[in-house]
Structure formats: C-alpha cells, structure tokens
Amino acid sequence: VRNAAPGTQIVRADYPTTRVEIDPQMLIGASAESIGRGATLALRCTMCHGARGLSQANTPNLAGQYPVAIYKELVDFKTGARVSAIMAPLVADLSDADMRDLAAYYAYLPRVTSSNAAAGEVPLIVASGAPLRGIAPCGACHGEVDSKASAAWLEGQPAVYLRTQLEAFASGTRRNDIGQQMRNIARGMTAAEINATGEFYARAP
C-alpha cells in the first residue's frame, strides 16, 4: 500500500471482500408482510441492537437505517467479507429473503432523536473533506437526501462505534467497502479528524 502509515495492515488481494450487487428493488418500499417477518427475525438481535433498533455504544443504531445498507452488511457478515465473531453465527442460517426482511423492518423503525438542540459546528473534514489528501466530504455519500452505493445513514450513530469503524478501515481490519473507498479515506484521516467525525455524527439530530 503506497504511503501506508506505520502499523497499517496490508490486505492481501485474495482476502474476501464485498461482492454485494446493489439491486434497485432494494430501494422500493417493503411490504407489511416483509416488515412483519423482519420483526420476528429481529428478536434475536435485541441484546445488542435493542428492542427498537437503538443500540449500545459499541454497536450501530439500526432504526431508520437505509435498507440497502443493512442488507449489504448482513450479506458481508454471512460471506466473511466483514468479520465479526458475534455476527457470523447469528447470520449463518439466514436466507437472502430473511436478510431483506430484517433490513425492511429496521428501515421501518423511527430513527434515533438527538438529545441536543443542534449538532454544533461541523468539522472541516465532514463539511469539505481534504481534497489535497483525496478525502471527499462525508456528505458526498452519507448525505441526508439519500444513500449512495449502500452508504449508511450516520446521524445519531454512537461515537464509539463510528470511531472504531473508521480505525478498522484505516488499519485494513475492515475491508468490505465497495472499491476500497472507505479504506482509502480513513487511511488519510488523522486521529483527531476521526474523533471529531464520530463526535459530530453522534450529536447530529
């Protein structure tokens, strides 16, 4: 990896990475039946992700998340493209329909409401990125209008979780991003920028 920071894990080309193909049908509103099936399946997820999709500090909030983002991550956990000793056994017996139903259910739930009146000043790395380092602003993919290429909704996510995932992308221990976009971005971010990004989105309404 060119200009890799000291300690950066070099990821071999034969390591599994995401092979999820984004289907336009994933963006169409789910049926009540699909949401209902997802609600039943989600009973196994409540210990970490909460009864209504609102999670602990080290796990993502799933309530109101884009369905395509949830579906992609479930598939990646199942195939090993994203590694988790907790998630792997939980998704092992899920069918493709099961994963779509789970995504539909969590997308149906209301998103987390921030306890803060405003998110405060937007960090430069979030608002403008760092063009000289090849870093686009976060909103270019994680914007409020819609998701792009399965990019997740970040507002209201726990700061600890966001920081941990950015660090995992930077080190190469997480490698299921499409086209290595997040790995390339995170490797160029400073520790202060990673912390500021996590804190900002955690405060965002």
N, C-alpha and C. Protein backbone atom coordinates (compact mmCIF):
# COMPACT_ATOMS: atom_id res chain seq x y z
N VAL A 1 0.85 -1.19 0.00
CA VAL A 1 0.00 0.00 0.00
C VAL A 1 0.89 1.23 0.00
N ARG A 2 0.74 2.08 -0.96
CA ARG A 2 1.58 3.26 -1.08
C ARG A 2 1.30 4.23 0.05
N ASN A 3 2.37 4.76 0.67
CA ASN A 3 2.26 5.74 1.74
C ASN A 3 1.46 5.23 2.93
N ALA A 4 1.51 3.91 3.19
CA ALA A 4 0.79 3.36 4.33
C ALA A 4 1.44 3.82 5.62
N ALA A 5 0.61 4.15 6.61
CA ALA A 5 1.12 4.59 7.90
C ALA A 5 1.74 3.42 8.63
N PRO A 6 2.70 3.70 9.56
CA PRO A 6 3.30 2.63 10.34
C PRO A 6 2.22 1.84 11.07
N GLY A 7 2.33 0.52 11.03
CA GLY A 7 1.36 -0.32 11.70
C GLY A 7 0.14 -0.65 10.88
N THR A 8 0.03 -0.05 9.69
CA THR A 8 -1.13 -0.33 8.83
C THR A 8 -1.07 -1.76 8.32
N GLN A 9 -2.17 -2.49 8.45
CA GLN A 9 -2.23 -3.85 7.94
C GLN A 9 -2.34 -3.84 6.43
N ILE A 10 -1.47 -4.58 5.78
CA ILE A 10 -1.52 -4.71 4.33
C ILE A 10 -2.46 -5.86 3.99
N VAL A 11 -3.52 -5.57 3.28
CA VAL A 11 -4.54 -6.55 2.98
C VAL A 11 -4.22 -7.27 1.68
N ARG A 12 -4.13 -8.59 1.74
CA ARG A 12 -3.83 -9.37 0.55
C ARG A 12 -4.99 -9.32 -0.44
N ALA A 13 -4.65 -9.45 -1.70
CA ALA A 13 -5.68 -9.37 -2.74
C ALA A 13 -6.67 -10.52 -2.66
N ASP A 14 -6.25 -11.67 -2.06
CA ASP A 14 -7.14 -12.82 -2.01
C ASP A 14 -8.03 -12.83 -0.77
N TYR A 15 -7.94 -11.81 0.08
CA TYR A 15 -8.85 -11.72 1.21
C TYR A 15 -10.26 -11.48 0.69
N PRO A 16 -11.27 -12.06 1.35
CA PRO A 16 -12.64 -11.82 0.89
C PRO A 16 -13.03 -10.36 1.05
N THR A 17 -13.76 -9.85 0.10
CA THR A 17 -14.29 -8.50 0.19
C THR A 17 -15.73 -8.55 -0.31
N THR A 18 -16.44 -7.45 -0.20
CA THR A 18 -17.86 -7.49 -0.55
C THR A 18 -18.08 -7.82 -2.01
N ARG A 19 -19.08 -8.65 -2.24
CA ARG A 19 -19.50 -8.96 -3.61
C ARG A 19 -20.98 -8.64 -3.80
N VAL A 20 -21.51 -7.84 -2.91
CA VAL A 20 -22.93 -7.48 -2.99
C VAL A 20 -23.15 -6.56 -4.18
N GLU A 21 -24.11 -6.91 -5.01
CA GLU A 21 -24.51 -6.05 -6.11
C GLU A 21 -25.78 -5.31 -5.71
N ILE A 22 -25.76 -3.99 -5.81
CA ILE A 22 -26.88 -3.18 -5.37
C ILE A 22 -28.04 -3.33 -6.36
N ASP A 23 -29.16 -3.79 -5.84
CA ASP A 23 -30.36 -4.03 -6.63
C ASP A 23 -31.31 -2.85 -6.44
N PRO A 24 -31.74 -2.18 -7.52
CA PRO A 24 -32.66 -1.05 -7.38
C PRO A 24 -33.93 -1.41 -6.61
N GLN A 25 -34.33 -2.68 -6.65
CA GLN A 25 -35.53 -3.09 -5.93
C GLN A 25 -35.38 -2.92 -4.42
N MET A 26 -34.13 -2.89 -3.94
CA MET A 26 -33.90 -2.73 -2.51
C MET A 26 -34.37 -1.36 -2.02
N LEU A 27 -34.47 -0.42 -2.91
CA LEU A 27 -34.81 0.94 -2.52
C LEU A 27 -36.32 1.19 -2.55
N ILE A 28 -37.07 0.21 -2.99
CA ILE A 28 -38.52 0.36 -3.07
C ILE A 28 -39.14 -0.06 -1.75
N GLY A 29 -40.20 0.66 -1.33
CA GLY A 29 -40.83 0.39 -0.05
C GLY A 29 -41.21 -1.06 0.13
N ALA A 30 -40.90 -1.60 1.31
CA ALA A 30 -41.16 -3.00 1.60
C ALA A 30 -42.63 -3.21 1.95
N SER A 31 -43.09 -4.44 1.79
CA SER A 31 -44.47 -4.78 2.12
C SER A 31 -44.62 -4.94 3.63
N ALA A 32 -45.85 -4.86 4.09
CA ALA A 32 -46.13 -5.08 5.51
C ALA A 32 -45.74 -6.49 5.93
N GLU A 33 -45.89 -7.44 5.02
CA GLU A 33 -45.53 -8.82 5.32
C GLU A 33 -44.02 -8.95 5.54
N SER A 34 -43.25 -8.29 4.70
CA SER A 34 -41.79 -8.33 4.84
C SER A 34 -41.36 -7.70 6.15
N ILE A 35 -41.94 -6.56 6.49
CA ILE A 35 -41.61 -5.89 7.75
C ILE A 35 -41.99 -6.77 8.94
N GLY A 36 -43.14 -7.42 8.87
CA GLY A 36 -43.56 -8.30 9.94
C GLY A 36 -42.64 -9.49 10.13
N ARG A 37 -42.22 -10.10 9.03
CA ARG A 37 -41.28 -11.21 9.13
C ARG A 37 -39.95 -10.73 9.71
N GLY A 38 -39.53 -9.54 9.29
CA GLY A 38 -38.29 -8.98 9.83
C GLY A 38 -38.37 -8.72 11.32
N ALA A 39 -39.53 -8.27 11.79
CA ALA A 39 -39.71 -8.02 13.22
C ALA A 39 -39.54 -9.30 14.03
N THR A 40 -40.04 -10.40 13.51
CA THR A 40 -39.88 -11.69 14.19
C THR A 40 -38.42 -12.12 14.20
N LEU A 41 -37.76 -12.00 13.06
CA LEU A 41 -36.35 -12.36 12.97
C LEU A 41 -35.48 -11.49 13.88
N ALA A 42 -35.88 -10.23 14.05
CA ALA A 42 -35.08 -9.28 14.83
C ALA A 42 -35.08 -9.58 16.32
N LEU A 43 -35.91 -10.49 16.77
CA LEU A 43 -35.92 -10.84 18.20
C LEU A 43 -34.57 -11.38 18.65
N ARG A 44 -33.82 -11.97 17.72
CA ARG A 44 -32.50 -12.50 18.06
C ARG A 44 -31.45 -11.39 18.16
N CYS A 45 -31.82 -10.19 17.74
CA CYS A 45 -30.85 -9.09 17.64
C CYS A 45 -30.95 -8.09 18.80
N THR A 46 -31.94 -8.27 19.67
CA THR A 46 -32.25 -7.23 20.65
C THR A 46 -31.17 -7.04 21.71
N MET A 47 -30.40 -8.07 22.02
CA MET A 47 -29.42 -7.94 23.09
C MET A 47 -28.41 -6.83 22.78
N CYS A 48 -28.01 -6.71 21.53
CA CYS A 48 -27.04 -5.68 21.15
C CYS A 48 -27.69 -4.47 20.49
N HIS A 49 -28.71 -4.71 19.67
CA HIS A 49 -29.30 -3.63 18.88
C HIS A 49 -30.60 -3.08 19.45
N GLY A 50 -30.99 -3.55 20.63
CA GLY A 50 -32.16 -3.00 21.30
C GLY A 50 -33.48 -3.48 20.72
N ALA A 51 -34.54 -3.34 21.52
CA ALA A 51 -35.86 -3.80 21.10
C ALA A 51 -36.41 -2.99 19.94
N ARG A 52 -35.94 -1.75 19.79
CA ARG A 52 -36.42 -0.88 18.71
C ARG A 52 -35.28 -0.39 17.83
N GLY A 53 -34.21 -1.16 17.78
CA GLY A 53 -33.12 -0.82 16.88
C GLY A 53 -32.17 0.25 17.37
N LEU A 54 -32.28 0.63 18.65
CA LEU A 54 -31.40 1.62 19.25
C LEU A 54 -30.40 0.89 20.13
N SER A 55 -29.12 1.07 19.83
CA SER A 55 -28.10 0.16 20.28
C SER A 55 -27.25 0.66 21.43
N GLN A 56 -26.36 -0.23 21.86
CA GLN A 56 -25.34 0.13 22.82
C GLN A 56 -24.26 0.96 22.12
N ALA A 57 -23.35 1.51 22.92
CA ALA A 57 -22.37 2.45 22.38
C ALA A 57 -21.45 1.83 21.34
N ASN A 58 -21.17 0.53 21.46
CA ASN A 58 -20.21 -0.08 20.54
C ASN A 58 -20.86 -0.83 19.38
N THR A 59 -22.17 -0.67 19.22
CA THR A 59 -22.87 -1.28 18.10
C THR A 59 -23.74 -0.23 17.42
N PRO A 60 -24.02 -0.38 16.13
CA PRO A 60 -24.74 0.67 15.41
C PRO A 60 -26.24 0.68 15.71
N ASN A 61 -26.80 1.88 15.69
CA ASN A 61 -28.26 2.01 15.69
C ASN A 61 -28.76 1.56 14.33
N LEU A 62 -29.75 0.69 14.33
CA LEU A 62 -30.31 0.19 13.07
C LEU A 62 -31.64 0.83 12.72
N ALA A 63 -32.30 1.43 13.68
CA ALA A 63 -33.61 2.03 13.44
C ALA A 63 -33.52 3.13 12.39
N GLY A 64 -34.31 3.01 11.34
CA GLY A 64 -34.34 4.03 10.29
C GLY A 64 -33.17 3.99 9.33
N GLN A 65 -32.30 3.00 9.48
CA GLN A 65 -31.17 2.89 8.56
C GLN A 65 -31.67 2.51 7.16
N TYR A 66 -30.94 2.94 6.14
CA TYR A 66 -31.30 2.57 4.78
C TYR A 66 -31.32 1.04 4.65
N PRO A 67 -32.38 0.47 4.07
CA PRO A 67 -32.44 -0.99 3.99
C PRO A 67 -31.30 -1.60 3.19
N VAL A 68 -30.86 -0.93 2.14
CA VAL A 68 -29.78 -1.48 1.34
C VAL A 68 -28.49 -1.54 2.13
N ALA A 69 -28.27 -0.58 3.04
CA ALA A 69 -27.06 -0.60 3.86
C ALA A 69 -27.08 -1.77 4.83
N ILE A 70 -28.24 -2.02 5.45
CA ILE A 70 -28.35 -3.15 6.38
C ILE A 70 -28.19 -4.47 5.64
N TYR A 71 -28.87 -4.60 4.52
CA TYR A 71 -28.80 -5.83 3.73
C TYR A 71 -27.36 -6.14 3.33
N LYS A 72 -26.66 -5.14 2.84
CA LYS A 72 -25.27 -5.35 2.41
C LYS A 72 -24.41 -5.86 3.56
N GLU A 73 -24.55 -5.25 4.74
CA GLU A 73 -23.71 -5.67 5.86
C GLU A 73 -24.06 -7.09 6.31
N LEU A 74 -25.33 -7.44 6.31
CA LEU A 74 -25.72 -8.80 6.68
C LEU A 74 -25.11 -9.82 5.71
N VAL A 75 -25.19 -9.53 4.42
CA VAL A 75 -24.59 -10.43 3.43
C VAL A 75 -23.08 -10.53 3.65
N ASP A 76 -22.44 -9.41 3.92
CA ASP A 76 -20.99 -9.41 4.11
C ASP A 76 -20.60 -10.19 5.37
N PHE A 77 -21.38 -10.08 6.44
CA PHE A 77 -21.11 -10.89 7.62
C PHE A 77 -21.26 -12.38 7.29
N LYS A 78 -22.26 -12.71 6.51
CA LYS A 78 -22.53 -14.11 6.17
C LYS A 78 -21.43 -14.71 5.31
N THR A 79 -20.90 -13.92 4.37
CA THR A 79 -19.87 -14.43 3.46
C THR A 79 -18.46 -14.32 4.04
N GLY A 80 -18.31 -13.58 5.14
CA GLY A 80 -16.98 -13.38 5.71
C GLY A 80 -16.28 -12.16 5.19
N ALA A 81 -16.93 -11.39 4.32
CA ALA A 81 -16.32 -10.16 3.82
C ALA A 81 -16.15 -9.15 4.94
N ARG A 82 -17.07 -9.17 5.91
CA ARG A 82 -16.92 -8.38 7.13
C ARG A 82 -16.85 -9.35 8.29
N VAL A 83 -15.83 -9.22 9.12
CA VAL A 83 -15.54 -10.21 10.15
C VAL A 83 -16.09 -9.77 11.50
N SER A 84 -16.83 -10.66 12.14
CA SER A 84 -17.31 -10.44 13.50
C SER A 84 -17.62 -11.79 14.12
N ALA A 85 -16.98 -12.07 15.26
CA ALA A 85 -17.23 -13.33 15.95
C ALA A 85 -18.65 -13.40 16.49
N ILE A 86 -19.27 -12.23 16.72
CA ILE A 86 -20.64 -12.19 17.22
C ILE A 86 -21.64 -12.34 16.08
N MET A 87 -21.44 -11.58 15.01
CA MET A 87 -22.42 -11.57 13.93
C MET A 87 -22.38 -12.82 13.06
N ALA A 88 -21.23 -13.41 12.85
CA ALA A 88 -21.12 -14.55 11.94
C ALA A 88 -22.07 -15.69 12.28
N PRO A 89 -22.11 -16.16 13.54
CA PRO A 89 -23.05 -17.26 13.83
C PRO A 89 -24.51 -16.83 13.78
N LEU A 90 -24.79 -15.56 14.01
CA LEU A 90 -26.17 -15.08 14.00
C LEU A 90 -26.76 -15.02 12.59
N VAL A 91 -25.91 -14.78 11.61
CA VAL A 91 -26.41 -14.68 10.23
C VAL A 91 -26.21 -15.96 9.43
N ALA A 92 -25.54 -16.95 10.02
CA ALA A 92 -25.17 -18.15 9.27
C ALA A 92 -26.36 -18.86 8.65
N ASP A 93 -27.50 -18.88 9.37
CA ASP A 93 -28.65 -19.62 8.86
C ASP A 93 -29.69 -18.72 8.19
N LEU A 94 -29.36 -17.46 7.97
CA LEU A 94 -30.32 -16.55 7.33
C LEU A 94 -30.32 -16.73 5.82
N SER A 95 -31.50 -16.78 5.24
CA SER A 95 -31.62 -16.81 3.79
C SER A 95 -31.55 -15.39 3.25
N ASP A 96 -31.46 -15.27 1.93
CA ASP A 96 -31.45 -13.94 1.33
C ASP A 96 -32.74 -13.20 1.65
N ALA A 97 -33.87 -13.90 1.61
CA ALA A 97 -35.15 -13.28 1.95
C ALA A 97 -35.18 -12.82 3.40
N ASP A 98 -34.59 -13.63 4.29
CA ASP A 98 -34.52 -13.25 5.71
C ASP A 98 -33.78 -11.93 5.87
N MET A 99 -32.66 -11.80 5.18
CA MET A 99 -31.85 -10.60 5.32
C MET A 99 -32.56 -9.38 4.75
N ARG A 100 -33.29 -9.56 3.68
CA ARG A 100 -34.07 -8.45 3.12
C ARG A 100 -35.20 -8.06 4.07
N ASP A 101 -35.83 -9.06 4.71
CA ASP A 101 -36.90 -8.77 5.65
C ASP A 101 -36.37 -8.03 6.88
N LEU A 102 -35.23 -8.45 7.39
CA LEU A 102 -34.62 -7.74 8.52
C LEU A 102 -34.30 -6.30 8.15
N ALA A 103 -33.75 -6.11 6.97
CA ALA A 103 -33.43 -4.75 6.52
C ALA A 103 -34.69 -3.91 6.41
N ALA A 104 -35.77 -4.50 5.91
CA ALA A 104 -37.03 -3.78 5.78
C ALA A 104 -37.59 -3.38 7.14
N TYR A 105 -37.50 -4.28 8.11
CA TYR A 105 -38.02 -4.00 9.44
C TYR A 105 -37.26 -2.85 10.10
N TYR A 106 -35.95 -2.93 10.11
CA TYR A 106 -35.17 -1.88 10.77
C TYR A 106 -35.31 -0.54 10.06
N ALA A 107 -35.41 -0.56 8.74
CA ALA A 107 -35.61 0.69 8.00
C ALA A 107 -36.95 1.32 8.34
N TYR A 108 -37.92 0.51 8.69
CA TYR A 108 -39.27 0.97 9.03
C TYR A 108 -39.31 1.69 10.38
N LEU A 109 -38.43 1.34 11.29
CA LEU A 109 -38.44 1.92 12.63
C LEU A 109 -38.00 3.38 12.60
N PRO A 110 -38.51 4.22 13.51
CA PRO A 110 -38.10 5.63 13.55
C PRO A 110 -36.65 5.78 13.98
N ARG A 111 -35.96 6.71 13.36
CA ARG A 111 -34.56 6.95 13.69
C ARG A 111 -34.40 7.55 15.08
N VAL A 112 -33.18 7.43 15.59
CA VAL A 112 -32.87 7.99 16.90
C VAL A 112 -33.05 9.50 16.88
N THR A 113 -33.54 10.06 17.98
CA THR A 113 -33.69 11.50 18.12
C THR A 113 -32.58 12.02 19.01
N SER A 114 -31.83 13.00 18.53
CA SER A 114 -30.72 13.54 19.30
C SER A 114 -31.24 14.30 20.51
N SER A 115 -30.50 14.20 21.61
CA SER A 115 -30.87 14.94 22.82
C SER A 115 -30.35 16.37 22.78
N ASN A 116 -29.57 16.69 21.75
CA ASN A 116 -29.01 18.02 21.62
C ASN A 116 -29.86 18.85 20.66
N ALA A 117 -29.92 20.15 20.92
CA ALA A 117 -30.69 21.03 20.04
C ALA A 117 -30.05 21.13 18.66
N ALA A 118 -28.74 21.04 18.62
CA ALA A 118 -28.04 21.13 17.34
C ALA A 118 -26.75 20.33 17.43
N ALA A 119 -26.23 19.96 16.29
CA ALA A 119 -25.02 19.16 16.27
C ALA A 119 -23.78 20.00 16.52
N GLY A 120 -23.93 21.32 16.52
CA GLY A 120 -22.79 22.19 16.73
C GLY A 120 -22.04 22.43 15.44
N GLU A 121 -20.85 22.99 15.58
CA GLU A 121 -20.04 23.32 14.41
C GLU A 121 -19.65 22.06 13.65
N VAL A 122 -19.79 22.12 12.35
CA VAL A 122 -19.46 20.96 11.52
C VAL A 122 -17.95 20.90 11.32
N PRO A 123 -17.30 19.79 11.67
CA PRO A 123 -15.86 19.68 11.44
C PRO A 123 -15.52 19.84 9.96
N LEU A 124 -14.39 20.44 9.69
CA LEU A 124 -13.98 20.68 8.31
C LEU A 124 -13.91 19.39 7.51
N ILE A 125 -13.43 18.32 8.15
CA ILE A 125 -13.29 17.05 7.44
C ILE A 125 -14.65 16.51 7.01
N VAL A 126 -15.71 16.82 7.78
CA VAL A 126 -17.06 16.38 7.44
C VAL A 126 -17.65 17.27 6.35
N ALA A 127 -17.49 18.58 6.50
CA ALA A 127 -18.13 19.53 5.59
C ALA A 127 -17.45 19.61 4.23
N SER A 128 -16.12 19.59 4.24
CA SER A 128 -15.38 19.84 3.00
C SER A 128 -14.41 18.74 2.62
N GLY A 129 -14.18 17.80 3.53
CA GLY A 129 -13.18 16.78 3.26
C GLY A 129 -11.78 17.37 3.30
N ALA A 130 -10.87 16.73 2.61
CA ALA A 130 -9.49 17.20 2.50
C ALA A 130 -9.02 16.89 1.08
N PRO A 131 -9.36 17.75 0.11
CA PRO A 131 -9.07 17.45 -1.30
C PRO A 131 -7.61 17.12 -1.59
N LEU A 132 -6.69 17.78 -0.90
CA LEU A 132 -5.28 17.52 -1.17
C LEU A 132 -4.85 16.13 -0.72
N ARG A 133 -5.65 15.53 0.16
CA ARG A 133 -5.38 14.16 0.60
C ARG A 133 -6.34 13.16 -0.05
N GLY A 134 -7.12 13.63 -1.01
CA GLY A 134 -8.04 12.75 -1.70
C GLY A 134 -9.23 12.32 -0.87
N ILE A 135 -9.63 13.14 0.11
CA ILE A 135 -10.74 12.81 1.01
C ILE A 135 -11.94 13.67 0.65
N ALA A 136 -13.02 13.03 0.24
CA ALA A 136 -14.26 13.75 -0.08
C ALA A 136 -15.02 14.06 1.20
N PRO A 137 -15.87 15.09 1.20
CA PRO A 137 -16.71 15.35 2.38
C PRO A 137 -17.63 14.17 2.64
N CYS A 138 -17.89 13.90 3.91
CA CYS A 138 -18.70 12.73 4.27
C CYS A 138 -20.07 12.75 3.59
N GLY A 139 -20.66 13.96 3.49
CA GLY A 139 -21.99 14.09 2.92
C GLY A 139 -22.08 13.74 1.45
N ALA A 140 -20.94 13.61 0.78
CA ALA A 140 -20.97 13.24 -0.63
C ALA A 140 -21.61 11.86 -0.83
N CYS A 141 -21.45 11.00 0.16
CA CYS A 141 -22.08 9.67 0.11
C CYS A 141 -23.08 9.46 1.24
N HIS A 142 -22.79 10.03 2.40
CA HIS A 142 -23.63 9.83 3.58
C HIS A 142 -24.55 11.02 3.81
N GLY A 143 -25.10 11.56 2.72
CA GLY A 143 -25.92 12.75 2.83
C GLY A 143 -27.31 12.49 3.35
N GLU A 144 -28.05 13.58 3.58
CA GLU A 144 -29.38 13.48 4.16
C GLU A 144 -30.45 13.16 3.12
N VAL A 145 -30.18 13.43 1.84
CA VAL A 145 -31.20 13.21 0.82
C VAL A 145 -31.41 11.73 0.57
N ASP A 146 -30.35 11.01 0.39
CA ASP A 146 -30.46 9.57 0.15
C ASP A 146 -29.07 8.97 0.28
N SER A 147 -29.02 7.65 0.34
CA SER A 147 -27.73 6.98 0.42
C SER A 147 -27.17 6.78 -0.98
N LYS A 148 -25.87 6.62 -1.06
CA LYS A 148 -25.21 6.38 -2.33
C LYS A 148 -24.38 5.12 -2.20
N ALA A 149 -24.56 4.19 -3.13
CA ALA A 149 -23.76 2.96 -3.16
C ALA A 149 -23.78 2.24 -1.82
N SER A 150 -24.92 2.16 -1.21
CA SER A 150 -25.16 1.48 0.07
C SER A 150 -24.51 2.18 1.26
N ALA A 151 -24.13 3.45 1.11
CA ALA A 151 -23.56 4.19 2.23
C ALA A 151 -24.61 4.35 3.33
N ALA A 152 -24.17 4.21 4.57
CA ALA A 152 -25.09 4.20 5.71
C ALA A 152 -25.49 5.61 6.14
N TRP A 153 -26.65 5.71 6.79
CA TRP A 153 -27.07 6.93 7.48
C TRP A 153 -26.24 7.02 8.76
N LEU A 154 -25.56 8.15 8.98
CA LEU A 154 -24.64 8.27 10.11
C LEU A 154 -25.17 9.08 11.27
N GLU A 155 -26.13 9.98 11.04
CA GLU A 155 -26.60 10.85 12.10
C GLU A 155 -27.16 10.03 13.26
N GLY A 156 -26.71 10.35 14.48
CA GLY A 156 -27.19 9.68 15.67
C GLY A 156 -26.51 8.37 15.98
N GLN A 157 -25.53 7.97 15.17
CA GLN A 157 -24.80 6.75 15.49
C GLN A 157 -23.86 6.98 16.67
N PRO A 158 -23.62 5.98 17.50
CA PRO A 158 -22.72 6.15 18.64
C PRO A 158 -21.31 6.55 18.21
N ALA A 159 -20.74 7.52 18.90
CA ALA A 159 -19.40 8.00 18.55
C ALA A 159 -18.36 6.89 18.65
N VAL A 160 -18.47 6.06 19.68
CA VAL A 160 -17.51 4.97 19.86
C VAL A 160 -17.55 4.03 18.67
N TYR A 161 -18.74 3.70 18.22
CA TYR A 161 -18.87 2.79 17.07
C TYR A 161 -18.28 3.41 15.81
N LEU A 162 -18.60 4.67 15.54
CA LEU A 162 -18.08 5.31 14.33
C LEU A 162 -16.56 5.39 14.36
N ARG A 163 -16.02 5.76 15.51
CA ARG A 163 -14.56 5.85 15.62
C ARG A 163 -13.91 4.48 15.40
N THR A 164 -14.49 3.45 16.01
CA THR A 164 -13.94 2.11 15.87
C THR A 164 -13.95 1.64 14.42
N GLN A 165 -15.02 1.94 13.70
CA GLN A 165 -15.11 1.50 12.31
C GLN A 165 -14.15 2.27 11.41
N LEU A 166 -14.00 3.57 11.64
CA LEU A 166 -13.03 4.33 10.86
C LEU A 166 -11.61 3.81 11.10
N GLU A 167 -11.31 3.49 12.35
CA GLU A 167 -9.99 2.94 12.67
C GLU A 167 -9.81 1.57 12.02
N ALA A 168 -10.88 0.78 11.96
CA ALA A 168 -10.79 -0.54 11.33
C ALA A 168 -10.57 -0.41 9.82
N PHE A 169 -11.24 0.54 9.20
CA PHE A 169 -10.99 0.78 7.77
C PHE A 169 -9.55 1.24 7.56
N ALA A 170 -9.07 2.12 8.43
CA ALA A 170 -7.71 2.66 8.27
C ALA A 170 -6.66 1.56 8.41
N SER A 171 -6.86 0.62 9.32
CA SER A 171 -5.89 -0.44 9.55
C SER A 171 -6.03 -1.59 8.57
N GLY A 172 -7.17 -1.65 7.89
CA GLY A 172 -7.42 -2.75 6.96
C GLY A 172 -8.08 -3.95 7.60
N THR A 173 -8.40 -3.88 8.90
CA THR A 173 -9.09 -5.00 9.54
C THR A 173 -10.55 -5.06 9.11
N ARG A 174 -11.10 -3.97 8.62
CA ARG A 174 -12.41 -4.00 7.97
C ARG A 174 -12.19 -3.66 6.51
N ARG A 175 -12.68 -4.51 5.62
CA ARG A 175 -12.33 -4.38 4.20
C ARG A 175 -13.52 -4.65 3.28
N ASN A 176 -14.74 -4.46 3.78
CA ASN A 176 -15.90 -4.77 2.94
C ASN A 176 -16.49 -3.54 2.27
N ASP A 177 -15.71 -2.47 2.17
CA ASP A 177 -16.17 -1.28 1.47
C ASP A 177 -16.06 -1.48 -0.04
N ILE A 178 -17.01 -0.95 -0.77
CA ILE A 178 -17.02 -1.09 -2.22
C ILE A 178 -15.90 -0.25 -2.83
N GLY A 179 -15.05 -0.88 -3.60
CA GLY A 179 -13.97 -0.17 -4.27
C GLY A 179 -12.93 0.42 -3.33
N GLN A 180 -12.86 -0.08 -2.09
CA GLN A 180 -11.90 0.40 -1.08
C GLN A 180 -12.07 1.88 -0.77
N GLN A 181 -13.25 2.43 -1.03
CA GLN A 181 -13.45 3.86 -0.81
C GLN A 181 -13.18 4.27 0.63
N MET A 182 -13.77 3.55 1.58
CA MET A 182 -13.61 3.94 2.98
C MET A 182 -12.20 3.67 3.49
N ARG A 183 -11.57 2.61 3.03
CA ARG A 183 -10.19 2.37 3.45
C ARG A 183 -9.28 3.49 2.98
N ASN A 184 -9.44 3.91 1.75
CA ASN A 184 -8.61 5.00 1.23
C ASN A 184 -8.84 6.29 1.98
N ILE A 185 -10.10 6.58 2.32
CA ILE A 185 -10.42 7.80 3.06
C ILE A 185 -9.88 7.73 4.48
N ALA A 186 -10.17 6.64 5.18
CA ALA A 186 -9.80 6.55 6.59
C ALA A 186 -8.29 6.55 6.78
N ARG A 187 -7.54 5.96 5.85
CA ARG A 187 -6.08 5.96 5.96
C ARG A 187 -5.51 7.37 5.91
N GLY A 188 -6.22 8.27 5.23
CA GLY A 188 -5.74 9.64 5.12
C GLY A 188 -6.17 10.55 6.24
N MET A 189 -7.04 10.07 7.13
CA MET A 189 -7.54 10.90 8.22
C MET A 189 -6.63 10.82 9.43
N THR A 190 -6.52 11.93 10.14
CA THR A 190 -5.78 11.93 11.39
C THR A 190 -6.65 11.39 12.51
N ALA A 191 -6.03 11.05 13.64
CA ALA A 191 -6.79 10.57 14.79
C ALA A 191 -7.77 11.63 15.27
N ALA A 192 -7.36 12.89 15.23
CA ALA A 192 -8.24 13.99 15.65
C ALA A 192 -9.44 14.10 14.72
N GLU A 193 -9.22 13.93 13.43
CA GLU A 193 -10.33 14.00 12.47
C GLU A 193 -11.30 12.84 12.65
N ILE A 194 -10.78 11.67 12.93
CA ILE A 194 -11.64 10.52 13.18
C ILE A 194 -12.49 10.75 14.42
N ASN A 195 -11.88 11.25 15.48
CA ASN A 195 -12.63 11.54 16.71
C ASN A 195 -13.69 12.61 16.47
N ALA A 196 -13.32 13.67 15.76
CA ALA A 196 -14.25 14.77 15.50
C ALA A 196 -15.43 14.30 14.66
N THR A 197 -15.17 13.42 13.70
CA THR A 197 -16.25 12.90 12.86
C THR A 197 -17.23 12.08 13.67
N GLY A 198 -16.71 11.20 14.51
CA GLY A 198 -17.58 10.39 15.35
C GLY A 198 -18.41 11.22 16.30
N GLU A 199 -17.78 12.20 16.94
CA GLU A 199 -18.50 13.04 17.90
C GLU A 199 -19.56 13.88 17.21
N PHE A 200 -19.26 14.39 16.03
CA PHE A 200 -20.23 15.21 15.31
C PHE A 200 -21.47 14.41 14.94
N TYR A 201 -21.28 13.27 14.31
CA TYR A 201 -22.45 12.49 13.88
C TYR A 201 -23.24 11.95 15.06
N ALA A 202 -22.58 11.68 16.17
CA ALA A 202 -23.31 11.22 17.36
C ALA A 202 -24.22 12.31 17.90
N ARG A 203 -23.83 13.58 17.72
CA ARG A 203 -24.65 14.71 18.20
C ARG A 203 -25.71 15.12 17.19
N ALA A 204 -25.51 14.73 15.94
CA ALA A 204 -26.39 15.22 14.87
C ALA A 204 -27.81 14.73 15.07
N PRO A 205 -28.81 15.63 14.87
CA PRO A 205 -30.21 15.24 15.06
C PRO A 205 -30.70 14.31 13.96
